[in-house]
Amino acid sequence: MVKPLVTVLISAYNYGHFIEEAIDSVLAQDYPNDRLEILVVDDGSTDDTTERVRKYGSRIQYIHKPNGGQASAFNFGFERASGDVIAISDADD
């Protein structure tokens, strides 16, 4: 049986100092990497979030949008997620 595609949707706003730990935590899960999509929606950060996420290359889908609040970031991500299952996370989780 093929496992479902899981999208982990991470919202971020000026959490550069936490974002790598959040991403690394997702990548460390015991789930096939080819069935895992990680989508980081940056809700208008002005810190170093962009630079920290870019180091992961194509493994992470990174979208920067104007600040609109966490709900708008999650809604923005839901529209772009490909997963059969969508898990949400904050950048400081």
C-alpha atoms as a PDB file:
ATOM      1  CA  MET A   1       0.000   0.000   0.000  1.00  0.00           C
ATOM      2  CA  VAL A   2       1.291   3.421  -0.937  1.00  0.00           C
ATOM      3  CA  LYS A   3       1.396   5.870   1.928  1.00  0.00           C
ATOM      4  CA  PRO A   4      -0.530   9.116   1.428  1.00  0.00           C
ATOM      5  CA  LEU A   5       1.260  12.289   0.458  1.00  0.00           C
ATOM      6  CA  VAL A   6       1.521  14.439   3.577  1.00  0.00           C
ATOM      7  CA  THR A   7       1.970  18.198   3.404  1.00  0.00           C
ATOM      8  CA  VAL A   8       3.449  19.819   6.479  1.00  0.00           C
ATOM      9  CA  LEU A   9       2.457  23.462   6.346  1.00  0.00           C
ATOM     10  CA  ILE A  10       4.634  25.727   8.480  1.00  0.00           C
ATOM     11  CA  SER A  11       3.659  29.353   9.013  1.00  0.00           C
ATOM     12  CA  ALA A  12       6.392  31.809   9.913  1.00  0.00           C
ATOM     13  CA  TYR A  13       6.632  35.454  10.858  1.00  0.00           C
ATOM     14  CA  ASN A  14      10.001  36.735  12.080  1.00  0.00           C
ATOM     15  CA  TYR A  15      10.882  33.326  13.529  1.00  0.00           C
ATOM     16  CA  GLY A  16      14.192  32.898  11.740  1.00  0.00           C
ATOM     17  CA  HIS A  17      15.817  31.840  15.001  1.00  0.00           C
ATOM     18  CA  PHE A  18      13.334  28.916  15.262  1.00  0.00           C
ATOM     19  CA  ILE A  19      12.559  27.921  11.662  1.00  0.00           C
ATOM     20  CA  GLU A  20      15.475  25.535  11.150  1.00  0.00           C
ATOM     21  CA  GLU A  21      14.564  23.533  14.236  1.00  0.00           C
ATOM     22  CA  ALA A  22      10.955  23.278  13.032  1.00  0.00           C
ATOM     23  CA  ILE A  23      12.033  22.095   9.572  1.00  0.00           C
ATOM     24  CA  ASP A  24      14.627  19.678  10.948  1.00  0.00           C
ATOM     25  CA  SER A  25      11.977  18.198  13.231  1.00  0.00           C
ATOM     26  CA  VAL A  26       9.737  17.451  10.245  1.00  0.00           C
ATOM     27  CA  LEU A  27      12.619  15.987   8.242  1.00  0.00           C
ATOM     28  CA  ALA A  28      13.537  13.719  11.178  1.00  0.00           C
ATOM     29  CA  GLN A  29      10.120  12.050  11.219  1.00  0.00           C
ATOM     30  CA  ASP A  30       9.889   8.388  10.308  1.00  0.00           C
ATOM     31  CA  TYR A  31       7.968   8.894   7.076  1.00  0.00           C
ATOM     32  CA  PRO A  32       9.128   8.348   3.486  1.00  0.00           C
ATOM     33  CA  ASN A  33      10.662  11.545   2.128  1.00  0.00           C
ATOM     34  CA  ASP A  34       9.078  10.963  -1.270  1.00  0.00           C
ATOM     35  CA  ARG A  35       5.640  11.104   0.384  1.00  0.00           C
ATOM     36  CA  LEU A  36       6.360  14.299   2.328  1.00  0.00           C
ATOM     37  CA  GLU A  37       5.892  17.880   1.154  1.00  0.00           C
ATOM     38  CA  ILE A  38       7.124  20.690   3.386  1.00  0.00           C
ATOM     39  CA  LEU A  39       5.634  24.078   2.632  1.00  0.00           C
ATOM     40  CA  VAL A  40       6.835  27.142   4.548  1.00  0.00           C
ATOM     41  CA  VAL A  41       4.628  30.208   4.204  1.00  0.00           C
ATOM     42  CA  ASP A  42       6.484  33.288   5.367  1.00  0.00           C
ATOM     43  CA  ASP A  43       3.912  35.893   6.364  1.00  0.00           C
ATOM     44  CA  GLY A  44       6.000  38.972   5.601  1.00  0.00           C
ATOM     45  CA  SER A  45       9.025  38.355   7.820  1.00  0.00           C
ATOM     46  CA  THR A  46      11.654  41.071   7.988  1.00  0.00           C
ATOM     47  CA  ASP A  47      14.299  38.967   9.752  1.00  0.00           C
ATOM     48  CA  ASP A  48      16.555  36.226   8.339  1.00  0.00           C
ATOM     49  CA  THR A  49      13.814  33.618   7.860  1.00  0.00           C
ATOM     50  CA  THR A  50      14.285  33.625   4.069  1.00  0.00           C
ATOM     51  CA  GLU A  51      18.018  32.937   4.242  1.00  0.00           C
ATOM     52  CA  ARG A  52      17.597  30.182   6.803  1.00  0.00           C
ATOM     53  CA  VAL A  53      14.932  28.371   4.756  1.00  0.00           C
ATOM     54  CA  ARG A  54      16.817  28.694   1.457  1.00  0.00           C
ATOM     55  CA  LYS A  55      19.658  26.531   2.773  1.00  0.00           C
ATOM     56  CA  TYR A  56      17.317  23.525   2.443  1.00  0.00           C
ATOM     57  CA  GLY A  57      17.106  24.023  -1.307  1.00  0.00           C
ATOM     58  CA  SER A  58      14.391  22.258  -3.249  1.00  0.00           C
ATOM     59  CA  ARG A  59      13.499  20.044  -0.279  1.00  0.00           C
ATOM     60  CA  ILE A  60      11.343  22.888   1.064  1.00  0.00           C
ATOM     61  CA  GLN A  61       8.757  24.896  -0.820  1.00  0.00           C
ATOM     62  CA  TYR A  62       9.120  28.458   0.424  1.00  0.00           C
ATOM     63  CA  ILE A  63       6.565  31.177  -0.219  1.00  0.00           C
ATOM     64  CA  HIS A  64       6.929  34.741   1.029  1.00  0.00           C
ATOM     65  CA  LYS A  65       3.729  36.773   1.133  1.00  0.00           C
ATOM     66  CA  PRO A  66       2.759  40.167   2.546  1.00  0.00           C
ATOM     67  CA  ASN A  67       1.862  40.090   6.219  1.00  0.00           C
ATOM     68  CA  GLY A  68      -1.762  39.242   6.816  1.00  0.00           C
ATOM     69  CA  GLY A  69      -1.719  37.217  10.003  1.00  0.00           C
ATOM     70  CA  GLN A  70      -1.353  33.542  10.759  1.00  0.00           C
ATOM     71  CA  ALA A  71      -4.793  32.549   9.482  1.00  0.00           C
ATOM     72  CA  SER A  72      -4.065  34.164   6.114  1.00  0.00           C
ATOM     73  CA  ALA A  73      -0.709  32.361   5.950  1.00  0.00           C
ATOM     74  CA  PHE A  74      -2.337  28.994   6.609  1.00  0.00           C
ATOM     75  CA  ASN A  75      -5.126  29.696   4.101  1.00  0.00           C
ATOM     76  CA  PHE A  76      -2.503  30.712   1.523  1.00  0.00           C
ATOM     77  CA  GLY A  77      -0.661  27.446   2.172  1.00  0.00           C
ATOM     78  CA  PHE A  78      -3.793  25.274   2.057  1.00  0.00           C
ATOM     79  CA  GLU A  79      -4.476  26.564  -1.455  1.00  0.00           C
ATOM     80  CA  ARG A  80      -0.996  25.436  -2.567  1.00  0.00           C
ATOM     81  CA  ALA A  81      -0.672  22.168  -0.678  1.00  0.00           C
ATOM     82  CA  SER A  82      -0.650  18.937  -2.678  1.00  0.00           C
ATOM     83  CA  GLY A  83      -0.981  16.462   0.166  1.00  0.00           C
ATOM     84  CA  ASP A  84      -3.781  14.036   0.828  1.00  0.00           C
ATOM     85  CA  VAL A  85      -3.223  14.938   4.475  1.00  0.00           C
ATOM     86  CA  ILE A  86      -2.207  18.406   5.659  1.00  0.00           C
ATOM     87  CA  ALA A  87      -0.502  18.933   9.012  1.00  0.00           C
ATOM     88  CA  ILE A  88      -0.015  22.469  10.282  1.00  0.00           C
ATOM     89  CA  SER A  89       2.817  23.765  12.412  1.00  0.00           C
ATOM     90  CA  ASP A  90       4.115  27.065  13.670  1.00  0.00           C
ATOM     91  CA  ALA A  91       7.715  27.998  12.969  1.00  0.00           C
ATOM     92  CA  ASP A  92       8.486  27.816  16.691  1.00  0.00           C
ATOM     93  CA  ASP A  93       7.107  24.286  17.229  1.00  0.00           C
END
